[in-house]
Amino acid sequence: MLNEAEILVEGEELSGRYLVEIARWTEGEWVATVPLLDALVTNCRLILKPQGRRPYAPASIPQHYIRDFEELDLGMRLGVKIELTTGHTLNLFVRSTRGIEFSFAVRRLLIRPISPALKVKLPVTDINRLIETISAL
């Protein structure tokens, strides 16, 4: 599980902690893949870390790398679609009944201005590691 004290930078505030799954459109329906991801939403970034036996460094997606966000109608559960400025798309299921809360936290992240001091640069290795992990599922 992500340790907030080790991840958050000075001035960064946690909006929420969630458990999410990557969703893929397969044979006419949305299917969740494993492993589950720990997700932290702060006032300036979305942080994702796969759960599993092997330790993974978290992927940090700063606010300004999220180009678009929308909710996915999945019937019994809420999904979200996050488009990145890199051209990649993350489709996520939110575990439990906290889907609306997660959606609200990400929307708030996108509309809140952050100070230049808090603008976190996205290391290319972070996004590449996330893409490689997701692609291997």
N, C-alpha and C. Protein backbone atom coordinates (compact mmCIF):
# COMPACT_ATOMS: atom_id res chain seq x y z
N MET A 1 0.84 -1.18 0.00
CA MET A 1 0.00 0.00 0.00
C MET A 1 0.89 1.25 0.00
N LEU A 2 0.43 2.28 -0.65
CA LEU A 2 1.19 3.51 -0.73
C LEU A 2 1.28 4.20 0.61
N ASN A 3 2.47 4.67 0.94
CA ASN A 3 2.69 5.41 2.17
C ASN A 3 2.71 6.90 1.84
N GLU A 4 1.69 7.61 2.27
CA GLU A 4 1.54 9.04 1.95
C GLU A 4 2.76 9.86 2.35
N ALA A 5 3.31 9.60 3.52
CA ALA A 5 4.42 10.39 4.03
C ALA A 5 5.64 10.31 3.11
N GLU A 6 5.83 9.17 2.47
CA GLU A 6 6.98 8.98 1.58
C GLU A 6 6.74 9.55 0.18
N ILE A 7 5.50 9.75 -0.19
CA ILE A 7 5.18 10.13 -1.57
C ILE A 7 4.83 11.60 -1.72
N LEU A 8 4.07 12.15 -0.79
CA LEU A 8 3.62 13.52 -0.94
C LEU A 8 4.76 14.51 -0.74
N VAL A 9 4.74 15.57 -1.55
CA VAL A 9 5.74 16.62 -1.42
C VAL A 9 5.16 17.73 -0.55
N GLU A 10 6.04 18.60 -0.08
CA GLU A 10 5.60 19.70 0.77
C GLU A 10 4.55 20.55 0.06
N GLY A 11 3.43 20.78 0.71
CA GLY A 11 2.36 21.58 0.14
C GLY A 11 1.33 20.75 -0.63
N GLU A 12 1.60 19.48 -0.85
CA GLU A 12 0.66 18.62 -1.56
C GLU A 12 -0.34 18.05 -0.55
N GLU A 13 -1.61 18.02 -0.95
CA GLU A 13 -2.67 17.56 -0.07
C GLU A 13 -3.37 16.35 -0.67
N LEU A 14 -3.63 15.36 0.14
CA LEU A 14 -4.31 14.15 -0.29
C LEU A 14 -5.81 14.40 -0.39
N SER A 15 -6.40 14.10 -1.54
CA SER A 15 -7.85 14.21 -1.71
C SER A 15 -8.54 12.89 -1.43
N GLY A 16 -7.85 11.78 -1.71
CA GLY A 16 -8.45 10.47 -1.46
C GLY A 16 -7.55 9.33 -1.86
N ARG A 17 -7.82 8.18 -1.26
CA ARG A 17 -7.08 6.94 -1.53
C ARG A 17 -8.11 5.91 -2.02
N TYR A 18 -7.79 5.23 -3.11
CA TYR A 18 -8.75 4.32 -3.73
C TYR A 18 -8.06 3.04 -4.21
N LEU A 19 -8.85 2.03 -4.44
CA LEU A 19 -8.38 0.79 -5.03
C LEU A 19 -9.06 0.71 -6.40
N VAL A 20 -8.25 0.64 -7.47
CA VAL A 20 -8.80 0.65 -8.82
C VAL A 20 -8.27 -0.55 -9.61
N GLU A 21 -8.96 -0.84 -10.71
CA GLU A 21 -8.56 -1.90 -11.63
C GLU A 21 -8.50 -1.30 -13.03
N ILE A 22 -7.58 -1.78 -13.82
CA ILE A 22 -7.54 -1.37 -15.22
C ILE A 22 -8.65 -2.10 -15.94
N ALA A 23 -9.42 -1.39 -16.74
CA ALA A 23 -10.53 -1.98 -17.49
C ALA A 23 -10.18 -2.03 -18.96
N ARG A 24 -10.48 -3.16 -19.59
CA ARG A 24 -10.25 -3.32 -21.03
C ARG A 24 -11.57 -3.73 -21.69
N TRP A 25 -11.78 -3.19 -22.89
CA TRP A 25 -12.97 -3.55 -23.67
C TRP A 25 -12.63 -4.84 -24.41
N THR A 26 -13.30 -5.94 -24.05
CA THR A 26 -13.01 -7.25 -24.63
C THR A 26 -14.31 -7.96 -24.96
N GLU A 27 -14.45 -8.35 -26.22
CA GLU A 27 -15.61 -9.11 -26.68
C GLU A 27 -16.93 -8.48 -26.26
N GLY A 28 -17.03 -7.17 -26.44
CA GLY A 28 -18.28 -6.47 -26.21
C GLY A 28 -18.59 -6.11 -24.77
N GLU A 29 -17.62 -6.25 -23.88
CA GLU A 29 -17.85 -5.86 -22.49
C GLU A 29 -16.56 -5.39 -21.84
N TRP A 30 -16.71 -4.64 -20.74
CA TRP A 30 -15.56 -4.18 -19.98
C TRP A 30 -15.13 -5.29 -19.03
N VAL A 31 -13.82 -5.58 -19.03
CA VAL A 31 -13.27 -6.63 -18.19
C VAL A 31 -12.13 -6.04 -17.37
N ALA A 32 -12.12 -6.35 -16.07
CA ALA A 32 -11.06 -5.88 -15.18
C ALA A 32 -9.84 -6.77 -15.32
N THR A 33 -8.67 -6.16 -15.25
CA THR A 33 -7.43 -6.93 -15.29
C THR A 33 -6.76 -6.86 -13.92
N VAL A 34 -5.79 -7.71 -13.72
CA VAL A 34 -5.03 -7.70 -12.47
C VAL A 34 -3.62 -7.30 -12.80
N PRO A 35 -2.86 -6.75 -11.90
CA PRO A 35 -3.14 -6.58 -10.49
C PRO A 35 -3.97 -5.34 -10.22
N LEU A 36 -4.49 -5.26 -9.01
CA LEU A 36 -5.18 -4.05 -8.56
C LEU A 36 -4.15 -2.94 -8.43
N LEU A 37 -4.63 -1.70 -8.51
CA LEU A 37 -3.76 -0.54 -8.35
C LEU A 37 -4.19 0.25 -7.13
N ASP A 38 -3.23 0.63 -6.31
CA ASP A 38 -3.49 1.63 -5.27
C ASP A 38 -3.47 2.97 -5.99
N ALA A 39 -4.43 3.82 -5.71
CA ALA A 39 -4.49 5.14 -6.35
C ALA A 39 -4.64 6.22 -5.29
N LEU A 40 -3.78 7.20 -5.37
CA LEU A 40 -3.89 8.38 -4.53
C LEU A 40 -4.19 9.56 -5.44
N VAL A 41 -5.17 10.36 -5.06
CA VAL A 41 -5.46 11.60 -5.79
C VAL A 41 -5.10 12.74 -4.85
N THR A 42 -4.25 13.64 -5.33
CA THR A 42 -3.85 14.79 -4.52
C THR A 42 -4.32 16.06 -5.21
N ASN A 43 -3.90 17.18 -4.69
CA ASN A 43 -4.28 18.45 -5.31
C ASN A 43 -3.45 18.75 -6.55
N CYS A 44 -2.46 17.90 -6.89
CA CYS A 44 -1.68 18.18 -8.09
C CYS A 44 -1.32 16.96 -8.93
N ARG A 45 -1.68 15.75 -8.50
CA ARG A 45 -1.37 14.58 -9.32
C ARG A 45 -2.17 13.35 -8.93
N LEU A 46 -2.17 12.39 -9.85
CA LEU A 46 -2.74 11.07 -9.63
C LEU A 46 -1.56 10.12 -9.52
N ILE A 47 -1.53 9.33 -8.46
CA ILE A 47 -0.42 8.42 -8.22
C ILE A 47 -0.97 7.00 -8.25
N LEU A 48 -0.39 6.14 -9.09
CA LEU A 48 -0.84 4.76 -9.24
C LEU A 48 0.30 3.81 -8.95
N LYS A 49 -0.02 2.74 -8.21
CA LYS A 49 0.99 1.73 -7.92
C LYS A 49 0.34 0.36 -7.97
N PRO A 50 0.84 -0.53 -8.85
CA PRO A 50 0.29 -1.89 -8.89
C PRO A 50 0.56 -2.64 -7.59
N GLN A 51 -0.43 -3.38 -7.14
CA GLN A 51 -0.23 -4.25 -5.98
C GLN A 51 0.34 -5.56 -6.50
N GLY A 52 1.07 -6.23 -5.68
CA GLY A 52 1.62 -7.51 -6.10
C GLY A 52 2.77 -7.91 -5.23
N ARG A 53 3.30 -9.09 -5.51
CA ARG A 53 4.42 -9.61 -4.72
C ARG A 53 5.70 -8.84 -5.00
N ARG A 54 5.89 -8.45 -6.27
CA ARG A 54 7.07 -7.67 -6.61
C ARG A 54 6.82 -6.22 -6.24
N PRO A 55 7.81 -5.57 -5.68
CA PRO A 55 7.63 -4.15 -5.36
C PRO A 55 7.69 -3.31 -6.62
N TYR A 56 6.76 -2.40 -6.77
CA TYR A 56 6.71 -1.49 -7.90
C TYR A 56 6.83 -0.06 -7.37
N ALA A 57 7.59 0.74 -8.08
CA ALA A 57 7.63 2.16 -7.75
C ALA A 57 6.34 2.79 -8.26
N PRO A 58 5.77 3.75 -7.56
CA PRO A 58 4.53 4.37 -8.02
C PRO A 58 4.75 5.22 -9.26
N ALA A 59 3.72 5.30 -10.10
CA ALA A 59 3.73 6.17 -11.27
C ALA A 59 2.99 7.45 -10.89
N SER A 60 3.62 8.57 -11.15
CA SER A 60 3.06 9.87 -10.81
C SER A 60 2.58 10.54 -12.08
N ILE A 61 1.29 10.89 -12.12
CA ILE A 61 0.72 11.56 -13.28
C ILE A 61 0.27 12.95 -12.84
N PRO A 62 1.09 13.96 -13.13
CA PRO A 62 0.73 15.33 -12.74
C PRO A 62 -0.52 15.81 -13.46
N GLN A 63 -1.19 16.72 -12.82
CA GLN A 63 -2.43 17.31 -13.33
C GLN A 63 -2.31 17.74 -14.79
N HIS A 64 -1.23 18.40 -15.15
CA HIS A 64 -1.10 18.94 -16.50
C HIS A 64 -0.82 17.87 -17.56
N TYR A 65 -0.67 16.60 -17.18
CA TYR A 65 -0.53 15.52 -18.14
C TYR A 65 -1.86 14.82 -18.41
N ILE A 66 -2.91 15.22 -17.72
CA ILE A 66 -4.23 14.65 -17.96
C ILE A 66 -4.98 15.57 -18.90
N ARG A 67 -5.21 15.08 -20.12
CA ARG A 67 -5.84 15.90 -21.16
C ARG A 67 -7.37 15.88 -21.05
N ASP A 68 -7.93 14.72 -20.70
CA ASP A 68 -9.38 14.61 -20.65
C ASP A 68 -9.76 13.53 -19.63
N PHE A 69 -10.96 13.68 -19.11
CA PHE A 69 -11.47 12.75 -18.11
C PHE A 69 -12.97 12.61 -18.31
N GLU A 70 -13.46 11.37 -18.28
CA GLU A 70 -14.91 11.16 -18.34
C GLU A 70 -15.28 9.88 -17.61
N GLU A 71 -16.52 9.84 -17.15
CA GLU A 71 -17.02 8.64 -16.50
C GLU A 71 -17.50 7.67 -17.57
N LEU A 72 -17.31 6.37 -17.30
CA LEU A 72 -17.77 5.32 -18.20
C LEU A 72 -19.00 4.67 -17.58
N ASP A 73 -20.04 4.49 -18.37
CA ASP A 73 -21.25 3.84 -17.89
C ASP A 73 -21.04 2.34 -17.95
N LEU A 74 -20.87 1.72 -16.79
CA LEU A 74 -20.60 0.29 -16.72
C LEU A 74 -21.73 -0.47 -16.03
N GLY A 75 -22.88 0.16 -15.93
CA GLY A 75 -24.01 -0.51 -15.30
C GLY A 75 -23.90 -0.53 -13.79
N MET A 76 -23.43 -1.64 -13.24
CA MET A 76 -23.39 -1.84 -11.80
C MET A 76 -22.24 -1.12 -11.09
N ARG A 77 -21.24 -0.68 -11.83
CA ARG A 77 -20.12 -0.01 -11.19
C ARG A 77 -19.64 1.15 -12.05
N LEU A 78 -18.92 2.04 -11.43
CA LEU A 78 -18.44 3.24 -12.12
C LEU A 78 -17.05 3.01 -12.69
N GLY A 79 -16.86 3.45 -13.90
CA GLY A 79 -15.55 3.43 -14.51
C GLY A 79 -15.19 4.84 -14.93
N VAL A 80 -13.92 5.08 -15.10
CA VAL A 80 -13.45 6.38 -15.56
C VAL A 80 -12.46 6.17 -16.70
N LYS A 81 -12.45 7.13 -17.60
CA LYS A 81 -11.52 7.13 -18.73
C LYS A 81 -10.64 8.37 -18.58
N ILE A 82 -9.34 8.15 -18.51
CA ILE A 82 -8.39 9.25 -18.35
C ILE A 82 -7.48 9.25 -19.56
N GLU A 83 -7.52 10.34 -20.33
CA GLU A 83 -6.64 10.48 -21.49
C GLU A 83 -5.46 11.35 -21.10
N LEU A 84 -4.26 10.86 -21.42
CA LEU A 84 -3.04 11.57 -21.09
C LEU A 84 -2.52 12.34 -22.29
N THR A 85 -1.74 13.37 -22.04
CA THR A 85 -1.16 14.16 -23.13
C THR A 85 -0.14 13.34 -23.92
N THR A 86 0.27 12.20 -23.40
CA THR A 86 1.20 11.31 -24.11
C THR A 86 0.49 10.52 -25.21
N GLY A 87 -0.86 10.61 -25.24
CA GLY A 87 -1.64 9.85 -26.21
C GLY A 87 -2.18 8.54 -25.65
N HIS A 88 -1.85 8.20 -24.42
CA HIS A 88 -2.32 6.98 -23.80
C HIS A 88 -3.64 7.23 -23.07
N THR A 89 -4.41 6.16 -22.93
CA THR A 89 -5.69 6.23 -22.23
C THR A 89 -5.70 5.18 -21.13
N LEU A 90 -6.16 5.59 -19.95
CA LEU A 90 -6.35 4.67 -18.83
C LEU A 90 -7.85 4.53 -18.59
N ASN A 91 -8.35 3.32 -18.67
CA ASN A 91 -9.73 3.04 -18.31
C ASN A 91 -9.67 2.31 -16.97
N LEU A 92 -10.34 2.85 -15.98
CA LEU A 92 -10.24 2.29 -14.63
C LEU A 92 -11.61 2.00 -14.05
N PHE A 93 -11.72 0.84 -13.37
CA PHE A 93 -12.86 0.53 -12.51
C PHE A 93 -12.47 0.97 -11.12
N VAL A 94 -13.41 1.46 -10.37
CA VAL A 94 -13.15 1.80 -8.98
C VAL A 94 -13.76 0.71 -8.12
N ARG A 95 -12.93 0.11 -7.27
CA ARG A 95 -13.42 -0.95 -6.39
C ARG A 95 -14.34 -0.34 -5.35
N SER A 96 -15.34 -1.07 -4.97
CA SER A 96 -16.32 -0.70 -3.95
C SER A 96 -17.28 0.37 -4.46
N THR A 97 -17.96 0.98 -3.55
CA THR A 97 -18.97 1.98 -3.90
C THR A 97 -18.39 3.39 -3.94
N ARG A 98 -17.09 3.52 -3.97
CA ARG A 98 -16.45 4.84 -3.90
C ARG A 98 -16.17 5.43 -5.29
N GLY A 99 -16.79 4.89 -6.32
CA GLY A 99 -16.55 5.36 -7.67
C GLY A 99 -16.88 6.83 -7.87
N ILE A 100 -18.00 7.26 -7.35
CA ILE A 100 -18.40 8.66 -7.51
C ILE A 100 -17.41 9.56 -6.77
N GLU A 101 -16.97 9.13 -5.61
CA GLU A 101 -15.99 9.89 -4.84
C GLU A 101 -14.67 10.02 -5.61
N PHE A 102 -14.21 8.92 -6.24
CA PHE A 102 -12.99 8.95 -7.03
C PHE A 102 -13.15 9.90 -8.22
N SER A 103 -14.27 9.79 -8.90
CA SER A 103 -14.54 10.66 -10.05
C SER A 103 -14.51 12.12 -9.64
N PHE A 104 -15.14 12.43 -8.52
CA PHE A 104 -15.16 13.80 -8.02
C PHE A 104 -13.74 14.29 -7.68
N ALA A 105 -12.94 13.41 -7.05
CA ALA A 105 -11.57 13.79 -6.67
C ALA A 105 -10.72 14.09 -7.90
N VAL A 106 -10.87 13.30 -8.95
CA VAL A 106 -10.09 13.54 -10.17
C VAL A 106 -10.57 14.81 -10.86
N ARG A 107 -11.88 15.02 -10.92
CA ARG A 107 -12.39 16.27 -11.51
C ARG A 107 -11.88 17.49 -10.75
N ARG A 108 -11.87 17.40 -9.43
CA ARG A 108 -11.37 18.50 -8.60
C ARG A 108 -9.89 18.73 -8.87
N LEU A 109 -9.14 17.65 -9.04
CA LEU A 109 -7.72 17.76 -9.38
C LEU A 109 -7.53 18.55 -10.66
N LEU A 110 -8.37 18.30 -11.65
CA LEU A 110 -8.21 18.93 -12.96
C LEU A 110 -8.60 20.39 -12.98
N ILE A 111 -9.48 20.82 -12.07
CA ILE A 111 -9.91 22.22 -12.12
C ILE A 111 -9.21 23.10 -11.11
N ARG A 112 -8.52 22.50 -10.15
CA ARG A 112 -7.85 23.31 -9.12
C ARG A 112 -6.52 23.83 -9.65
N PRO A 113 -6.32 25.13 -9.58
CA PRO A 113 -5.00 25.63 -9.95
C PRO A 113 -3.99 25.26 -8.86
N ILE A 114 -2.79 24.91 -9.30
CA ILE A 114 -1.75 24.60 -8.32
C ILE A 114 -0.61 25.59 -8.48
N SER A 115 0.09 25.81 -7.42
CA SER A 115 1.18 26.77 -7.48
C SER A 115 2.31 26.20 -8.31
N PRO A 116 3.07 27.06 -8.98
CA PRO A 116 4.20 26.59 -9.78
C PRO A 116 5.19 25.77 -8.94
N ALA A 117 5.28 26.05 -7.66
CA ALA A 117 6.20 25.30 -6.80
C ALA A 117 5.78 23.84 -6.66
N LEU A 118 4.49 23.56 -6.84
CA LEU A 118 4.00 22.18 -6.70
C LEU A 118 3.92 21.44 -8.03
N LYS A 119 4.18 22.12 -9.13
CA LYS A 119 4.09 21.43 -10.42
C LYS A 119 5.14 20.34 -10.46
N VAL A 120 4.67 19.12 -10.50
CA VAL A 120 5.56 17.97 -10.49
C VAL A 120 5.82 17.56 -11.93
N LYS A 121 7.07 17.41 -12.30
CA LYS A 121 7.39 16.96 -13.64
C LYS A 121 7.23 15.45 -13.70
N LEU A 122 6.66 14.98 -14.78
CA LEU A 122 6.45 13.55 -14.95
C LEU A 122 7.71 12.92 -15.51
N PRO A 123 8.42 12.14 -14.71
CA PRO A 123 9.59 11.46 -15.26
C PRO A 123 9.14 10.47 -16.33
N VAL A 124 9.81 10.51 -17.47
CA VAL A 124 9.46 9.61 -18.56
C VAL A 124 9.51 8.17 -18.09
N THR A 125 10.40 7.85 -17.18
CA THR A 125 10.49 6.48 -16.68
C THR A 125 9.23 6.07 -15.94
N ASP A 126 8.58 7.01 -15.23
CA ASP A 126 7.34 6.69 -14.52
C ASP A 126 6.24 6.27 -15.48
N ILE A 127 6.01 7.08 -16.51
CA ILE A 127 4.93 6.75 -17.45
C ILE A 127 5.28 5.51 -18.26
N ASN A 128 6.53 5.35 -18.64
CA ASN A 128 6.93 4.15 -19.39
C ASN A 128 6.75 2.89 -18.54
N ARG A 129 7.10 2.98 -17.26
CA ARG A 129 6.94 1.84 -16.37
C ARG A 129 5.46 1.47 -16.23
N LEU A 130 4.60 2.47 -16.11
CA LEU A 130 3.16 2.22 -16.01
C LEU A 130 2.64 1.57 -17.29
N ILE A 131 3.07 2.09 -18.43
CA ILE A 131 2.62 1.55 -19.73
C ILE A 131 3.10 0.11 -19.88
N GLU A 132 4.36 -0.17 -19.53
CA GLU A 132 4.87 -1.52 -19.63
C GLU A 132 4.11 -2.48 -18.72
N THR A 133 3.81 -2.04 -17.51
CA THR A 133 3.07 -2.88 -16.57
C THR A 133 1.68 -3.18 -17.11
N ILE A 134 0.99 -2.15 -17.59
CA ILE A 134 -0.35 -2.34 -18.13
C ILE A 134 -0.34 -3.19 -19.38
N SER A 135 0.63 -2.97 -20.24
CA SER A 135 0.72 -3.75 -21.49
C SER A 135 0.98 -5.22 -21.24
N ALA A 136 1.66 -5.53 -20.13
CA ALA A 136 1.99 -6.92 -19.83
C ALA A 136 0.81 -7.69 -19.23
N LEU A 137 -0.28 -6.99 -18.90
CA LEU A 137 -1.42 -7.66 -18.26
C LEU A 137 -2.18 -8.51 -19.25
